[in-house]
Amino acid sequence: MRIALAQIDTTIADFGGTCEKVIHFTKEAKTKGAQMILFPELALGGYPPMDLLDQESFADFSEKALRRLQQEVPPDIAVAIGYVARNRHTQGKALVNAYGVILNGALVFEQEKTLLPTYDVFDEARYFESARKRAVFSYQGLRIGFAICEDMWRESDNPSIHYEIDPIRELLDQGAQIICVPSASPYYAYKMEQRVALTEKICRRGNVPLIYLNLVGANDSIIFDGRSFVAEPHPNGKVSLSLVGPAFEEALLYWDWEEKKGHLFPGSTAPTDRPPSPPREMLSTAQSSLGLSGSSHHQELKQQEDSELDLIEKALVTGIRGYMKKCGFSRAHLGLSGGIDSALVAYLAVQAIGKENVVAFGLPSRFSSRGSRDDAQELAKNLGIRFEMLSIEPAFTAYLQTLEPVFEGRPFDLAEENLQARIRGTLLMAYSNKFNSMLLTTGNKSELAMGYCTLYGDMAGALAPIGDLLKIEVYALCRRINARYEQGGHKPVFPEAILTKAPSAELRPNQVDQDSLPPYEILDEILKLYVLENLSKVEIVQRGWDEALVSRVITAVARAEYKRRQAPPVLKVSRRAFGMGRRMPIARIIYEG
């Protein structure tokens, strides 16, 4: 039997558009000889729908879309897809996360999701009732067990996850010959290695192949990387990936199997006109929030890090493109300061929507250096984007004159510094309103963590593309992009001065970031331990860090929560990003500092 894997991008609540896509992919799969096609978890309705699920009409539209598929998908091919359904039992939550099979106009099988995650960006137990039973689906002599996304992650080594029920074991006990895992699994660095490691455990334990099918694209902060695969066990105990889909791209993949003498002998067909990606080896290092160890003398590890940096770049580009398209924007703009953060955001925007759709603004004040202005102009030229220079000095002077009576002759301080950032934010938002252009913010994770950013100033905007990259990771990604361009015989994108000069907000004379923050190579290591690993002050100090410095960092992170609550969405590329995946109270005692 030939099974098709439809790795698709969906928009939340676009029931009609998703139906059209499902019908199109199914017709294509049937022409290629597929007897069954699989779609991801909650493909019909999109993931995550969040509190749309509280609206009765969402379930109505979901059911209507499912009935349309029953009527319009071609016959003689089984179509398996995820959707929101109503709980048929009289007790429990009103909805279930369902996965059903349509065949010849009828819904012939339905499995509800059992394990409902409530960690990181997930909050499924808030909306869905857990499945009360697990069953296998028999089709053309093959017994298929559906384990919906988290139902596979019971095998995870995550100490915060404890599930009593083992869905995959129950499916294997019922004689499942293939385990299919339809998923809506968000990307973060080195996530693929975790999926493969879990898959290896399952394949060895059950001695069955596993089909892993994932969404692709971006919805708000969450980015889906696709990279669907088929894993199969071998008599020597090894598990191989016979099929791997592309990263961050829609694809229709095919997997063939036949049963001989009680053993499965699968084969695979790559996506149309695209070779399969090679399987990736499990990595043992995770030295930063992204799993990057910084500089490495080990060539193999360096190659793996470069490969993951390339994937991070693709994730951020996918995130920008998806967010803009699904929010109805085709153009973007940003403030280009001549620093590394805005330089990276400008580059990513060009990759996402094209240079003709990106406008950059230089917004100098009396404190802006000539070097920064020149660096911003050179970068804009390298990227081929329109660059406009708007001095904020007239507006700044006018504000100072207006405020002079109430400032009572007090010395220049943070108030005047932040005023400059807010003038810039006002000008950039004015352009957004006038030309329906999306303003991209340029702050990194280190700044967001420490509150080294200005509300209604540099935080003004609709999306924070690099808000989940620590400063050292911003440098690493920029250097990787430059190296890749040089290897291809092209001029580096980022001028050397941007990569080497001391970071500065340039809001007062001779200012550098380290006037207010610890050196980034130190700060970021502490942030990884506190924000990513959730370690306490005592545990961080036990690892050799200065107690006073650790207290300073923890206190600053806690005090800045009110700023992050008002920040634009951050594209998630680490295990724990600010926003949906890290929810903290604002008004509290900072007991841990």
Protein backbone atom coordinates (compact mmCIF):
# COMPACT_ATOMS: atom_id res chain seq x y z
CA MET A 1 0.00 0.00 0.00
CA ARG A 2 1.18 3.50 -0.80
CA ILE A 3 0.68 6.06 1.98
CA ALA A 4 0.95 9.79 1.28
CA LEU A 5 2.10 12.25 3.93
CA ALA A 6 0.70 15.75 3.43
CA GLN A 7 2.94 18.22 5.25
CA ILE A 8 0.83 21.38 5.00
CA ASP A 9 0.65 24.98 6.24
CA THR A 10 -2.72 26.01 7.67
CA THR A 11 -4.21 29.27 8.90
CA ILE A 12 -6.20 29.19 12.11
CA ALA A 13 -9.97 29.20 11.44
CA ASP A 14 -9.53 29.12 7.65
CA PHE A 15 -11.84 26.15 7.28
CA GLY A 16 -12.64 26.83 3.63
CA GLY A 17 -9.05 27.35 2.57
CA THR A 18 -7.90 24.23 4.40
CA CYS A 19 -10.66 22.15 2.80
CA GLU A 20 -9.51 23.29 -0.64
CA LYS A 21 -5.93 22.36 0.20
CA VAL A 22 -6.90 18.94 1.57
CA ILE A 23 -8.95 18.17 -1.53
CA HIS A 24 -6.11 19.31 -3.81
CA PHE A 25 -3.45 17.26 -2.01
CA THR A 26 -5.73 14.21 -1.91
CA LYS A 27 -6.42 14.34 -5.64
CA GLU A 28 -2.68 14.68 -6.31
CA ALA A 29 -1.89 11.75 -4.02
CA LYS A 30 -4.48 9.55 -5.70
CA THR A 31 -2.99 10.25 -9.13
CA LYS A 32 0.34 9.01 -7.74
CA GLY A 33 -1.22 5.73 -6.63
CA ALA A 34 -1.71 6.44 -2.93
CA GLN A 35 -4.40 4.41 -1.15
CA MET A 36 -4.20 6.56 1.98
CA ILE A 37 -3.23 10.15 2.74
CA LEU A 38 -2.37 11.52 6.18
CA PHE A 39 -2.76 15.15 7.31
CA PRO A 40 -1.41 16.65 10.57
CA GLU A 41 -3.04 17.14 13.95
CA LEU A 42 -5.84 19.76 13.98
CA ALA A 43 -5.07 20.55 10.34
CA LEU A 44 -8.75 21.35 9.85
CA GLY A 45 -9.06 24.56 11.89
CA GLY A 46 -5.38 25.23 12.57
CA TYR A 47 -3.16 25.04 15.62
CA PRO A 48 -3.40 26.48 18.23
CA PRO A 49 -6.96 27.85 18.13
CA MET A 50 -6.74 28.89 21.81
CA ASP A 51 -9.89 30.61 23.14
CA LEU A 52 -11.60 30.41 19.77
CA LEU A 53 -12.51 27.00 21.13
CA ASP A 54 -14.73 28.72 23.69
CA GLN A 55 -16.90 29.95 20.86
CA GLU A 56 -19.64 27.45 20.05
CA SER A 57 -19.46 28.39 16.39
CA PHE A 58 -15.86 27.15 16.05
CA ALA A 59 -16.94 23.56 16.62
CA ASP A 60 -19.87 24.13 14.25
CA PHE A 61 -17.55 25.31 11.46
CA SER A 62 -15.17 22.42 12.17
CA GLU A 63 -17.95 19.87 11.77
CA LYS A 64 -19.26 21.57 8.65
CA ALA A 65 -15.77 21.45 7.11
CA LEU A 66 -15.44 17.77 7.99
CA ARG A 67 -18.78 17.01 6.31
CA ARG A 68 -17.63 18.92 3.22
CA LEU A 69 -14.53 16.74 3.03
CA GLN A 70 -16.69 13.63 3.28
CA GLN A 71 -18.58 14.83 0.22
CA GLU A 72 -15.73 16.22 -1.88
CA VAL A 73 -12.55 14.21 -1.39
CA PRO A 74 -12.14 11.58 -4.11
CA PRO A 75 -13.33 8.00 -3.45
CA ASP A 76 -11.20 4.92 -2.91
CA ILE A 77 -8.53 6.72 -0.90
CA ALA A 78 -8.56 6.92 2.90
CA VAL A 79 -8.14 10.51 4.11
CA ALA A 80 -6.92 10.89 7.72
CA ILE A 81 -7.05 14.34 9.26
CA GLY A 82 -7.10 16.14 12.61
CA TYR A 83 -9.98 18.40 13.70
CA VAL A 84 -11.94 19.76 16.66
CA ALA A 85 -14.95 17.64 17.57
CA ARG A 86 -17.55 17.65 20.31
CA ASN A 87 -17.23 15.30 23.26
CA ARG A 88 -19.91 12.65 22.86
CA HIS A 89 -19.83 11.76 26.55
CA THR A 90 -22.03 13.53 29.07
CA GLN A 91 -19.13 14.37 31.39
CA GLY A 92 -15.91 16.30 30.90
CA LYS A 93 -14.86 19.14 28.61
CA ALA A 94 -17.12 19.95 25.70
CA LEU A 95 -14.51 19.32 22.99
CA VAL A 96 -11.95 16.73 21.93
CA ASN A 97 -8.84 16.87 19.78
CA ALA A 98 -9.86 14.28 17.20
CA TYR A 99 -8.23 12.45 14.31
CA GLY A 100 -10.55 10.75 11.85
CA VAL A 101 -10.46 8.73 8.64
CA ILE A 102 -12.78 9.49 5.73
CA LEU A 103 -13.34 6.78 3.13
CA ASN A 104 -15.89 6.79 0.30
CA GLY A 105 -17.97 9.54 1.86
CA ALA A 106 -18.10 8.12 5.38
CA LEU A 107 -16.20 8.85 8.59
CA VAL A 108 -15.07 5.28 9.20
CA PHE A 109 -12.72 5.79 12.16
CA GLU A 110 -12.07 8.38 14.87
CA GLN A 111 -9.44 8.54 17.59
CA GLU A 112 -9.35 11.23 20.24
CA LYS A 113 -6.10 12.55 21.67
CA THR A 114 -5.22 11.06 25.04
CA LEU A 115 -2.35 13.07 26.51
CA LEU A 116 -3.13 16.79 26.64
CA PRO A 117 -0.04 18.96 27.24
CA THR A 118 -0.17 21.96 29.57
CA TYR A 119 3.47 23.09 29.49
CA ASP A 120 5.40 25.65 27.46
CA VAL A 121 3.07 27.04 24.73
CA PHE A 122 0.54 24.22 25.16
CA ASP A 123 -2.72 24.53 27.08
CA GLU A 124 -4.83 21.73 25.64
CA ALA A 125 -6.25 20.41 28.92
CA ARG A 126 -8.00 23.76 29.24
CA TYR A 127 -10.18 22.98 26.25
CA PHE A 128 -10.20 19.26 25.46
CA GLU A 129 -11.34 16.07 27.13
CA SER A 130 -8.86 13.21 27.06
CA ALA A 131 -9.63 10.04 25.10
CA ARG A 132 -11.14 7.24 27.15
CA LYS A 133 -9.92 4.47 24.88
CA ARG A 134 -7.41 3.75 22.15
CA ALA A 135 -8.16 1.65 19.07
CA VAL A 136 -6.41 0.58 15.87
CA PHE A 137 -7.70 1.22 12.38
CA SER A 138 -7.70 -1.71 9.94
CA TYR A 139 -7.36 -0.85 6.28
CA GLN A 140 -6.33 -3.05 3.36
CA GLY A 141 -4.89 -5.65 5.70
CA LEU A 142 -2.84 -3.16 7.71
CA ARG A 143 -3.49 -2.32 11.37
CA ILE A 144 -2.63 1.34 12.02
CA GLY A 145 -2.41 2.95 15.46
CA PHE A 146 -2.83 6.73 15.65
CA ALA A 147 -0.96 8.41 18.51
CA ILE A 148 -1.71 12.13 18.26
CA CYS A 149 1.40 14.26 18.90
CA GLU A 150 1.77 14.32 22.72
CA ASP A 151 0.60 10.71 22.85
CA MET A 152 4.12 9.89 21.64
CA TRP A 153 5.89 12.19 24.10
CA ARG A 154 5.14 10.02 27.10
CA GLU A 155 8.50 8.52 26.19
CA SER A 156 10.18 11.89 26.79
CA ASP A 157 12.82 12.33 29.48
CA ASN A 158 11.28 15.68 30.48
CA PRO A 159 11.01 15.49 34.31
CA SER A 160 8.01 17.86 34.33
CA ILE A 161 5.89 15.45 32.28
CA HIS A 162 4.24 12.52 34.06
CA TYR A 163 1.47 10.60 32.29
CA GLU A 164 -0.23 7.53 33.70
CA ILE A 165 -1.58 6.25 30.38
CA ASP A 166 0.73 4.88 27.68
CA PRO A 167 -1.22 5.24 24.40
CA ILE A 168 1.41 3.69 22.16
CA ARG A 169 1.77 0.60 24.34
CA GLU A 170 -2.00 0.08 24.21
CA LEU A 171 -1.94 0.37 20.41
CA LEU A 172 0.91 -2.12 20.19
CA ASP A 173 -0.95 -4.49 22.54
CA GLN A 174 -3.85 -4.37 20.07
CA GLY A 175 -1.58 -5.46 17.25
CA ALA A 176 -0.77 -2.18 15.54
CA GLN A 177 1.64 -2.83 12.66
CA ILE A 178 2.38 0.85 12.08
CA ILE A 179 2.26 3.75 14.50
CA CYS A 180 1.22 7.05 12.93
CA VAL A 181 1.90 10.26 14.85
CA PRO A 182 0.01 13.23 13.34
CA SER A 183 1.45 16.32 15.01
CA ALA A 184 1.41 20.06 15.44
CA SER A 185 4.87 20.18 16.96
CA PRO A 186 6.52 23.63 17.17
CA TYR A 187 10.12 24.10 16.16
CA TYR A 188 12.97 24.99 18.43
CA ALA A 189 16.66 24.38 17.93
CA TYR A 190 17.57 20.67 17.94
CA LYS A 191 13.92 19.60 18.31
CA MET A 192 14.37 17.11 15.48
CA GLU A 193 16.94 15.18 17.49
CA GLN A 194 14.46 14.77 20.33
CA ARG A 195 11.77 13.50 17.97
CA VAL A 196 14.14 11.00 16.42
CA ALA A 197 15.35 9.79 19.83
CA LEU A 198 11.77 9.17 20.98
CA THR A 199 10.97 7.44 17.72
CA GLU A 200 13.93 5.11 18.09
CA LYS A 201 12.65 4.01 21.50
CA ILE A 202 9.19 3.28 20.13
CA CYS A 203 10.41 1.46 17.03
CA ARG A 204 12.74 -0.75 19.06
CA ARG A 205 10.10 -1.47 21.69
CA GLY A 206 7.36 -2.34 19.25
CA ASN A 207 9.43 -3.53 16.30
CA VAL A 208 7.14 -1.53 14.01
CA PRO A 209 7.64 1.43 11.67
CA LEU A 210 6.56 4.89 12.80
CA ILE A 211 5.18 7.64 10.56
CA TYR A 212 5.71 11.11 12.00
CA LEU A 213 3.68 13.82 10.25
CA ASN A 214 4.05 17.47 11.23
CA LEU A 215 2.55 20.82 10.33
CA VAL A 216 4.63 23.46 8.58
CA GLY A 217 4.40 27.25 8.63
CA ALA A 218 3.81 29.77 11.41
CA ASN A 219 0.90 30.86 13.56
CA ASP A 220 1.64 33.87 15.78
CA SER A 221 4.75 33.10 17.84
CA ILE A 222 4.83 29.41 16.99
CA ILE A 223 6.73 28.07 13.99
CA PHE A 224 6.20 24.57 12.62
CA ASP A 225 9.16 23.02 10.81
CA GLY A 226 7.54 20.07 9.09
CA ARG A 227 10.38 17.54 8.59
CA SER A 228 7.91 14.67 8.62
CA PHE A 229 9.56 11.27 8.47
CA VAL A 230 9.18 7.51 8.41
CA ALA A 231 11.33 5.45 10.76
CA GLU A 232 11.74 1.71 10.50
CA PRO A 233 13.45 -0.83 12.76
CA HIS A 234 15.96 -3.40 11.54
CA PRO A 235 16.80 -6.89 12.86
CA ASN A 236 20.15 -5.63 14.20
CA GLY A 237 18.34 -3.25 16.56
CA LYS A 238 19.07 -0.11 14.59
CA VAL A 239 16.41 2.33 13.45
CA SER A 240 16.73 4.29 10.22
CA LEU A 241 14.80 7.14 8.65
CA SER A 242 13.70 5.94 5.24
CA LEU A 243 11.96 9.21 4.43
CA VAL A 244 12.48 12.78 5.70
CA GLY A 245 10.47 15.76 4.49
CA PRO A 246 11.87 19.24 3.92
CA ALA A 247 12.14 21.85 6.65
CA PHE A 248 9.69 24.77 6.65
CA GLU A 249 8.15 23.84 3.30
CA GLU A 250 4.91 22.20 2.30
CA ALA A 251 5.42 18.77 0.76
CA LEU A 252 3.58 15.68 -0.36
CA LEU A 253 5.63 12.59 0.44
CA TYR A 254 5.03 8.92 -0.31
CA TRP A 255 5.86 5.74 1.54
CA ASP A 256 5.30 2.25 0.15
CA TRP A 257 5.09 -0.95 2.14
CA GLU A 258 4.36 -4.58 1.62
CA GLU A 259 4.08 -7.38 4.13
CA LYS A 260 6.08 -10.56 3.55
CA LYS A 261 6.31 -13.43 5.99
CA GLY A 262 5.22 -11.29 8.90
CA HIS A 263 7.83 -8.59 8.36
CA LEU A 264 7.39 -5.14 6.91
CA PHE A 265 9.62 -4.23 4.00
CA PRO A 266 8.97 -0.53 3.47
CA GLY A 267 10.22 1.67 0.70
CA SER A 268 9.82 5.37 0.14
CA THR A 269 9.36 8.00 -2.48
CA ALA A 270 10.73 11.48 -1.96
CA PRO A 271 8.60 14.60 -2.23
CA THR A 272 7.78 15.61 -5.78
CA ASP A 273 10.87 17.05 -7.50
CA ARG A 274 12.74 17.29 -4.21
CA PRO A 275 15.27 14.88 -2.69
CA PRO A 276 14.70 13.82 0.91
CA SER A 277 16.70 15.55 3.62
CA PRO A 278 19.35 13.30 5.19
CA PRO A 279 18.68 11.95 8.68
CA ARG A 280 20.37 13.96 11.43
CA GLU A 281 22.45 12.42 14.19
CA MET A 282 21.49 12.88 17.82
CA LEU A 283 23.57 15.62 19.45
CA SER A 284 24.79 15.38 23.01
CA THR A 285 25.49 19.07 23.62
CA ALA A 286 23.03 21.79 24.50
CA GLN A 287 25.18 24.61 25.77
CA SER A 288 22.83 27.53 25.11
CA SER A 289 19.15 28.33 24.86
CA LEU A 290 19.31 27.21 21.24
CA GLY A 291 21.62 24.28 21.91
CA LEU A 292 24.58 26.18 20.45
CA SER A 293 27.90 25.99 22.22
CA GLY A 294 29.39 29.15 20.74
CA SER A 295 32.86 28.61 19.34
CA SER A 296 33.92 24.99 18.95
CA HIS A 297 37.22 23.44 17.93
CA HIS A 298 35.57 20.18 17.02
CA GLN A 299 34.88 20.23 13.28
CA GLU A 300 31.91 17.87 13.36
CA LEU A 301 30.21 19.81 16.13
CA LYS A 302 30.89 23.08 14.28
CA GLN A 303 29.22 21.68 11.17
CA GLN A 304 26.19 20.60 13.20
CA GLU A 305 25.94 24.04 14.78
CA ASP A 306 26.20 25.72 11.38
CA SER A 307 23.44 23.47 10.08
CA GLU A 308 21.20 24.35 13.01
CA LEU A 309 21.93 28.06 12.59
CA ASP A 310 20.76 27.72 8.99
CA LEU A 311 17.55 26.11 10.27
CA ILE A 312 17.07 28.90 12.82
CA GLU A 313 17.38 31.41 9.99
CA LYS A 314 14.77 29.48 7.97
CA ALA A 315 12.50 29.34 11.01
CA LEU A 316 12.66 33.10 11.55
CA VAL A 317 12.08 33.79 7.86
CA THR A 318 9.10 31.41 7.92
CA GLY A 319 7.81 33.12 11.05
CA ILE A 320 7.96 36.61 9.56
CA ARG A 321 6.45 35.53 6.25
CA GLY A 322 3.65 33.54 7.85
CA TYR A 323 2.76 36.17 10.43
CA MET A 324 2.62 38.95 7.85
CA LYS A 325 0.65 36.96 5.29
CA LYS A 326 -1.89 35.65 7.78
CA CYS A 327 -2.31 39.13 9.30
CA GLY A 328 -2.86 40.69 5.87
CA PHE A 329 0.42 42.59 5.42
CA SER A 330 2.70 42.52 2.40
CA ARG A 331 5.17 45.28 3.37
CA ALA A 332 7.40 45.80 6.41
CA HIS A 333 9.68 48.50 7.77
CA LEU A 334 12.03 49.00 10.69
CA GLY A 335 14.48 51.38 12.27
CA LEU A 336 18.02 50.65 11.09
CA SER A 337 20.45 51.95 13.68
CA GLY A 338 23.72 50.58 12.34
CA GLY A 339 23.77 47.96 15.11
CA ILE A 340 23.75 44.20 14.73
CA ASP A 341 20.19 43.55 15.92
CA SER A 342 18.42 45.78 13.43
CA ALA A 343 20.82 44.59 10.72
CA LEU A 344 19.76 40.98 11.29
CA VAL A 345 16.04 41.83 11.34
CA ALA A 346 16.41 43.76 8.07
CA TYR A 347 18.13 40.79 6.45
CA LEU A 348 15.47 38.33 7.67
CA ALA A 349 12.69 40.59 6.42
CA VAL A 350 14.24 40.71 2.96
CA GLN A 351 14.48 36.92 2.88
CA ALA A 352 10.85 36.64 3.99
CA ILE A 353 9.07 39.13 1.72
CA GLY A 354 11.62 40.46 -0.79
CA LYS A 355 13.77 43.60 -0.81
CA GLU A 356 11.17 45.59 -2.73
CA ASN A 357 8.76 45.24 0.21
CA VAL A 358 11.12 46.38 2.99
CA VAL A 359 11.87 49.99 3.98
CA ALA A 360 14.49 50.94 6.56
CA PHE A 361 14.71 54.22 8.45
CA GLY A 362 17.76 55.85 9.94
CA LEU A 363 16.57 57.98 12.86
CA PRO A 364 19.65 59.79 14.17
CA SER A 365 19.81 62.16 17.11
CA ARG A 366 22.58 64.38 18.46
CA PHE A 367 24.11 61.28 20.03
CA SER A 368 24.21 59.11 16.89
CA SER A 369 27.73 58.46 15.65
CA ARG A 370 28.77 58.98 12.06
CA GLY A 371 29.91 55.38 11.99
CA SER A 372 26.46 54.07 12.87
CA ARG A 373 24.84 56.14 10.15
CA ASP A 374 27.36 54.92 7.59
CA ASP A 375 26.97 51.28 8.71
CA ALA A 376 23.18 51.48 8.38
CA GLN A 377 23.45 52.93 4.88
CA GLU A 378 25.98 50.29 3.82
CA LEU A 379 23.79 47.46 5.08
CA ALA A 380 20.74 48.87 3.30
CA LYS A 381 22.81 49.03 0.11
CA ASN A 382 23.99 45.43 0.57
CA LEU A 383 20.38 44.30 0.97
CA GLY A 384 19.08 46.48 -1.85
CA ILE A 385 16.35 48.03 0.29
CA ARG A 386 15.02 51.57 0.36
CA PHE A 387 16.65 53.63 3.12
CA GLU A 388 15.26 56.90 4.48
CA MET A 389 17.05 59.19 6.92
CA LEU A 390 14.77 61.10 9.31
CA SER A 391 16.48 63.13 12.02
CA ILE A 392 14.66 63.08 15.35
CA GLU A 393 16.56 66.16 16.55
CA PRO A 394 13.82 68.73 15.78
CA ALA A 395 11.19 66.66 17.58
CA PHE A 396 13.56 65.91 20.50
CA THR A 397 14.34 69.60 20.92
CA ALA A 398 10.65 70.48 20.84
CA TYR A 399 9.84 67.84 23.48
CA LEU A 400 12.62 69.09 25.75
CA GLN A 401 11.34 72.65 25.45
CA THR A 402 7.79 71.55 26.22
CA LEU A 403 8.91 69.53 29.25
CA GLU A 404 11.36 72.11 30.59
CA PRO A 405 8.92 73.71 33.06
CA VAL A 406 7.94 70.39 34.65
CA PHE A 407 11.41 68.81 34.58
CA GLU A 408 12.46 71.53 37.07
CA GLY A 409 16.01 71.80 35.82
CA ARG A 410 16.87 68.22 36.80
CA PRO A 411 19.91 66.67 35.10
CA PHE A 412 19.71 64.64 31.88
CA ASP A 413 18.90 61.03 32.72
CA LEU A 414 16.81 58.03 31.67
CA ALA A 415 13.78 60.21 30.94
CA GLU A 416 15.56 62.03 28.11
CA GLU A 417 17.10 58.79 26.84
CA ASN A 418 13.75 57.02 26.60
CA LEU A 419 12.17 60.10 25.04
CA GLN A 420 14.40 59.62 21.99
CA ALA A 421 13.33 55.99 21.63
CA ARG A 422 9.67 56.99 21.89
CA ILE A 423 10.04 59.66 19.23
CA ARG A 424 11.49 57.01 16.93
CA GLY A 425 8.61 54.67 17.75
CA THR A 426 6.08 57.38 16.98
CA LEU A 427 7.62 58.12 13.57
CA LEU A 428 7.80 54.43 12.65
CA MET A 429 4.21 53.79 13.71
CA ALA A 430 3.08 56.82 11.71
CA TYR A 431 4.62 55.28 8.61
CA SER A 432 2.88 51.99 9.45
CA ASN A 433 -0.51 53.71 9.60
CA LYS A 434 0.03 55.72 6.44
CA PHE A 435 1.23 52.87 4.21
CA ASN A 436 -0.24 49.75 5.87
CA SER A 437 3.29 48.49 6.53
CA MET A 438 4.13 46.18 9.43
CA LEU A 439 6.67 47.58 11.89
CA LEU A 440 9.20 44.97 12.99
CA THR A 441 10.93 45.49 16.33
CA THR A 442 14.63 44.72 16.64
CA GLY A 443 15.18 43.80 20.30
CA ASN A 444 16.92 40.57 21.27
CA LYS A 445 16.19 38.17 24.13
CA SER A 446 18.95 39.51 26.37
CA GLU A 447 17.48 43.01 26.21
CA LEU A 448 13.93 41.78 26.74
CA ALA A 449 15.09 39.72 29.71
CA MET A 450 16.80 42.64 31.44
CA GLY A 451 14.25 45.27 30.48
CA TYR A 452 16.93 47.08 28.45
CA CYS A 453 14.28 48.41 26.09
CA THR A 454 11.75 51.24 26.03
CA LEU A 455 8.01 50.74 26.18
CA TYR A 456 6.30 52.58 23.30
CA GLY A 457 9.77 53.24 21.90
CA ASP A 458 11.98 50.52 20.44
CA MET A 459 9.37 48.00 21.66
CA ALA A 460 6.72 49.57 19.42
CA GLY A 461 5.76 47.25 16.59
CA ALA A 462 3.77 44.21 15.53
CA LEU A 463 6.35 41.41 15.69
CA ALA A 464 9.67 40.75 17.44
CA PRO A 465 11.54 38.46 15.02
CA ILE A 466 14.72 38.03 17.12
CA GLY A 467 13.16 38.32 20.57
CA ASP A 468 14.11 34.70 21.28
CA LEU A 469 17.78 35.08 20.32
CA LEU A 470 20.27 36.00 23.03
CA LYS A 471 22.81 38.61 22.01
CA ILE A 472 25.60 36.06 21.55
CA GLU A 473 23.25 34.07 19.33
CA VAL A 474 22.53 37.15 17.21
CA TYR A 475 26.27 37.44 16.60
CA ALA A 476 26.57 33.72 15.85
CA LEU A 477 23.77 33.82 13.28
CA CYS A 478 25.12 36.94 11.57
CA ARG A 479 28.60 35.45 11.31
CA ARG A 480 27.13 32.23 9.92
CA ILE A 481 25.19 34.16 7.26
CA ASN A 482 28.31 36.10 6.28
CA ALA A 483 30.37 32.90 6.10
CA ARG A 484 27.79 31.23 3.90
CA TYR A 485 27.76 34.18 1.50
CA GLU A 486 31.56 34.18 1.35
CA GLN A 487 31.62 30.44 0.72
CA GLY A 488 29.29 31.07 -2.21
CA GLY A 489 31.65 33.66 -3.64
CA HIS A 490 29.50 36.64 -2.62
CA LYS A 491 30.15 39.76 -0.59
CA PRO A 492 29.28 39.41 3.11
CA VAL A 493 25.88 40.84 4.02
CA PHE A 494 26.88 42.44 7.31
CA PRO A 495 29.71 45.02 7.31
CA GLU A 496 32.60 44.06 9.56
CA ALA A 497 32.08 47.20 11.65
CA ILE A 498 28.59 46.03 12.64
CA LEU A 499 30.03 42.73 13.86
CA THR A 500 32.93 44.18 15.82
CA LYS A 501 31.89 47.51 17.35
CA ALA A 502 30.66 47.70 20.94
CA PRO A 503 26.84 47.55 21.14
CA SER A 504 25.29 50.90 22.04
CA ALA A 505 21.83 52.45 22.18
CA GLU A 506 23.46 55.85 21.52
CA LEU A 507 21.02 57.74 23.75
CA ARG A 508 23.72 59.71 25.58
CA PRO A 509 27.36 60.65 24.91
CA ASN A 510 29.81 57.71 24.64
CA GLN A 511 27.18 55.19 25.77
CA VAL A 512 27.71 51.43 25.42
CA ASP A 513 25.43 48.60 26.56
CA GLN A 514 27.94 47.44 29.14
CA ASP A 515 27.40 50.68 31.07
CA SER A 516 24.05 49.21 32.11
CA LEU A 517 24.46 45.46 31.58
CA PRO A 518 27.06 42.82 32.38
CA PRO A 519 29.12 41.74 29.34
CA TYR A 520 26.84 39.72 27.08
CA GLU A 521 29.05 36.63 27.17
CA ILE A 522 28.48 36.56 30.95
CA LEU A 523 24.90 37.81 31.03
CA ASP A 524 23.68 35.32 28.46
CA GLU A 525 25.15 32.35 30.32
CA ILE A 526 23.26 33.35 33.48
CA LEU A 527 20.07 33.98 31.51
CA LYS A 528 20.27 30.49 30.03
CA LEU A 529 20.44 28.96 33.49
CA TYR A 530 17.67 31.09 34.97
CA VAL A 531 15.22 31.53 32.09
CA LEU A 532 15.83 28.34 30.10
CA GLU A 533 16.81 25.85 32.79
CA ASN A 534 14.69 27.35 35.61
CA LEU A 535 17.59 27.06 38.03
CA SER A 536 17.48 28.90 41.35
CA LYS A 537 20.01 31.49 42.47
CA VAL A 538 21.66 28.93 44.72
CA GLU A 539 22.01 26.43 41.87
CA ILE A 540 23.44 29.06 39.52
CA VAL A 541 25.95 30.24 42.14
CA GLN A 542 26.96 26.61 42.73
CA ARG A 543 27.98 26.51 39.07
CA GLY A 544 30.57 29.19 39.73
CA TRP A 545 28.78 32.47 39.07
CA ASP A 546 29.12 35.50 41.35
CA GLU A 547 26.21 35.67 43.81
CA ALA A 548 25.75 39.44 43.60
CA LEU A 549 25.72 39.34 39.81
CA VAL A 550 23.22 36.47 39.75
CA SER A 551 20.93 38.38 42.13
CA ARG A 552 21.20 41.45 39.93
CA VAL A 553 20.22 39.51 36.82
CA ILE A 554 17.32 37.64 38.45
CA THR A 555 15.93 40.84 39.96
CA ALA A 556 16.15 42.70 36.65
CA VAL A 557 14.39 39.88 34.79
CA ALA A 558 11.56 39.81 37.33
CA ARG A 559 11.11 43.59 37.36
CA ALA A 560 10.92 43.75 33.57
CA GLU A 561 7.94 41.41 33.35
CA TYR A 562 5.53 44.35 32.93
CA LYS A 563 7.43 45.40 29.81
CA ARG A 564 7.39 41.94 28.26
CA ARG A 565 3.64 41.67 28.91
CA GLN A 566 3.22 44.63 26.53
CA ALA A 567 5.77 43.49 23.95
CA PRO A 568 4.83 42.28 20.46
CA PRO A 569 4.80 38.52 19.79
CA VAL A 570 8.23 36.88 19.83
CA LEU A 571 9.08 34.20 17.26
CA LYS A 572 9.92 31.09 19.28
CA VAL A 573 13.14 29.26 18.35
CA SER A 574 14.34 28.14 21.78
CA ARG A 575 12.96 25.70 24.31
CA ARG A 576 11.53 28.58 26.34
CA ALA A 577 10.64 31.90 24.78
CA PHE A 578 9.15 34.97 26.41
CA GLY A 579 5.41 35.21 25.89
CA MET A 580 3.13 32.17 25.70
CA GLY A 581 5.79 29.77 26.95
CA ARG A 582 6.81 31.73 30.07
CA ARG A 583 3.93 33.16 32.05
CA MET A 584 4.92 35.09 35.17
CA PRO A 585 3.04 37.44 37.50
CA ILE A 586 3.94 41.12 37.35
CA ALA A 587 3.09 42.33 40.85
CA ARG A 588 4.97 40.07 43.25
CA ILE A 589 7.83 39.72 45.69
CA ILE A 590 11.05 38.73 43.95
CA TYR A 591 11.74 35.92 46.40
CA GLU A 592 14.26 34.14 44.17
CA GLY A 593 16.64 37.10 43.86
